[in-house]
Amino acid sequence: MLNDYKDMMTVKDVSQALRIGKNTAYSLVSRGIIPSLKNGRRYLIPKQYVIDYLLSQRYNIKQL
């Protein structure tokens, strides 16, 4: 599913991969729901964290 993305993703990549808006992706990252690393003003999200988020949401959809 995420094979087309690099190991470190941007918020834009996350929004495209999850098919959500960029503001929603920023919200998930800034609230720590999807853990990230911050490099200056830029968020970098390891692909494994996105996979972990997807697996955790399998039975809990109301967190968005």
C-alpha atoms as a PDB file:
ATOM      1  CA  MET A   1       0.000   0.000   0.000  1.00  0.00           C
ATOM      2  CA  LEU A   2       2.719   2.496   0.920  1.00  0.00           C
ATOM      3  CA  ASN A   3       5.396   0.971  -1.287  1.00  0.00           C
ATOM      4  CA  ASP A   4       5.460   4.061  -3.521  1.00  0.00           C
ATOM      5  CA  TYR A   5       6.547   6.304  -0.634  1.00  0.00           C
ATOM      6  CA  LYS A   6      10.016   6.817   0.831  1.00  0.00           C
ATOM      7  CA  ASP A   7      10.849   5.694   4.371  1.00  0.00           C
ATOM      8  CA  MET A   8      10.554   9.294   5.587  1.00  0.00           C
ATOM      9  CA  MET A   9       7.327  10.966   4.532  1.00  0.00           C
ATOM     10  CA  THR A  10       6.186  14.583   4.527  1.00  0.00           C
ATOM     11  CA  VAL A  11       2.767  15.759   5.648  1.00  0.00           C
ATOM     12  CA  LYS A  12       1.835  16.032   1.976  1.00  0.00           C
ATOM     13  CA  ASP A  13       2.829  12.384   1.455  1.00  0.00           C
ATOM     14  CA  VAL A  14       0.777  11.335   4.480  1.00  0.00           C
ATOM     15  CA  SER A  15      -2.282  13.208   3.252  1.00  0.00           C
ATOM     16  CA  GLN A  16      -1.993  11.561  -0.164  1.00  0.00           C
ATOM     17  CA  ALA A  17      -1.374   8.089   1.273  1.00  0.00           C
ATOM     18  CA  LEU A  18      -4.311   8.291   3.682  1.00  0.00           C
ATOM     19  CA  ARG A  19      -6.489  10.188   1.213  1.00  0.00           C
ATOM     20  CA  ILE A  20      -7.221  12.952   3.700  1.00  0.00           C
ATOM     21  CA  GLY A  21      -6.823  16.698   3.491  1.00  0.00           C
ATOM     22  CA  LYS A  22      -3.530  18.363   4.252  1.00  0.00           C
ATOM     23  CA  ASN A  23      -5.027  20.194   7.258  1.00  0.00           C
ATOM     24  CA  THR A  24      -6.253  16.897   8.714  1.00  0.00           C
ATOM     25  CA  ALA A  25      -2.820  15.362   8.192  1.00  0.00           C
ATOM     26  CA  TYR A  26      -1.193  18.350   9.953  1.00  0.00           C
ATOM     27  CA  SER A  27      -3.672  17.933  12.803  1.00  0.00           C
ATOM     28  CA  LEU A  28      -2.843  14.239  13.224  1.00  0.00           C
ATOM     29  CA  VAL A  29       0.869  15.010  13.242  1.00  0.00           C
ATOM     30  CA  SER A  30       0.812  18.114  15.450  1.00  0.00           C
ATOM     31  CA  ARG A  31      -1.434  16.406  18.052  1.00  0.00           C
ATOM     32  CA  GLY A  32       0.958  13.443  18.152  1.00  0.00           C
ATOM     33  CA  ILE A  33      -1.599  10.925  16.903  1.00  0.00           C
ATOM     34  CA  ILE A  34       0.907  10.123  14.180  1.00  0.00           C
ATOM     35  CA  PRO A  35       4.350  10.608  15.763  1.00  0.00           C
ATOM     36  CA  SER A  36       6.815  12.680  13.790  1.00  0.00           C
ATOM     37  CA  LEU A  37      10.202  14.317  13.836  1.00  0.00           C
ATOM     38  CA  LYS A  38      10.506  18.039  13.338  1.00  0.00           C
ATOM     39  CA  ASN A  39      13.337  19.416  11.228  1.00  0.00           C
ATOM     40  CA  GLY A  40      13.099  23.195  11.432  1.00  0.00           C
ATOM     41  CA  ARG A  41       9.587  24.024  10.287  1.00  0.00           C
ATOM     42  CA  ARG A  42       9.182  20.733   8.458  1.00  0.00           C
ATOM     43  CA  TYR A  43       7.604  17.559   9.850  1.00  0.00           C
ATOM     44  CA  LEU A  44       9.151  14.244   8.817  1.00  0.00           C
ATOM     45  CA  ILE A  45       7.118  11.123   9.466  1.00  0.00           C
ATOM     46  CA  PRO A  46       8.692   7.667   9.311  1.00  0.00           C
ATOM     47  CA  LYS A  47       6.572   5.443   7.089  1.00  0.00           C
ATOM     48  CA  GLN A  48       6.385   2.847   9.874  1.00  0.00           C
ATOM     49  CA  TYR A  49       4.531   5.383  12.052  1.00  0.00           C
ATOM     50  CA  VAL A  50       1.892   5.803   9.347  1.00  0.00           C
ATOM     51  CA  ILE A  51       1.562   2.025   9.092  1.00  0.00           C
ATOM     52  CA  ASP A  52       1.244   1.803  12.896  1.00  0.00           C
ATOM     53  CA  TYR A  53      -1.465   4.484  12.790  1.00  0.00           C
ATOM     54  CA  LEU A  54      -3.388   2.587  10.133  1.00  0.00           C
ATOM     55  CA  LEU A  55      -3.193  -0.629  12.141  1.00  0.00           C
ATOM     56  CA  SER A  56      -4.347   1.147  15.302  1.00  0.00           C
ATOM     57  CA  GLN A  57      -7.316   2.636  13.443  1.00  0.00           C
ATOM     58  CA  ARG A  58      -8.534  -0.708  12.218  1.00  0.00           C
ATOM     59  CA  TYR A  59     -11.124  -0.851  15.012  1.00  0.00           C
ATOM     60  CA  ASN A  60     -11.157   2.760  16.230  1.00  0.00           C
ATOM     61  CA  ILE A  61     -12.374   5.121  13.502  1.00  0.00           C
ATOM     62  CA  LYS A  62     -13.550   8.074  15.651  1.00  0.00           C
ATOM     63  CA  GLN A  63     -10.080   9.510  16.338  1.00  0.00           C
ATOM     64  CA  LEU A  64     -10.001  11.696  13.221  1.00  0.00           C
END
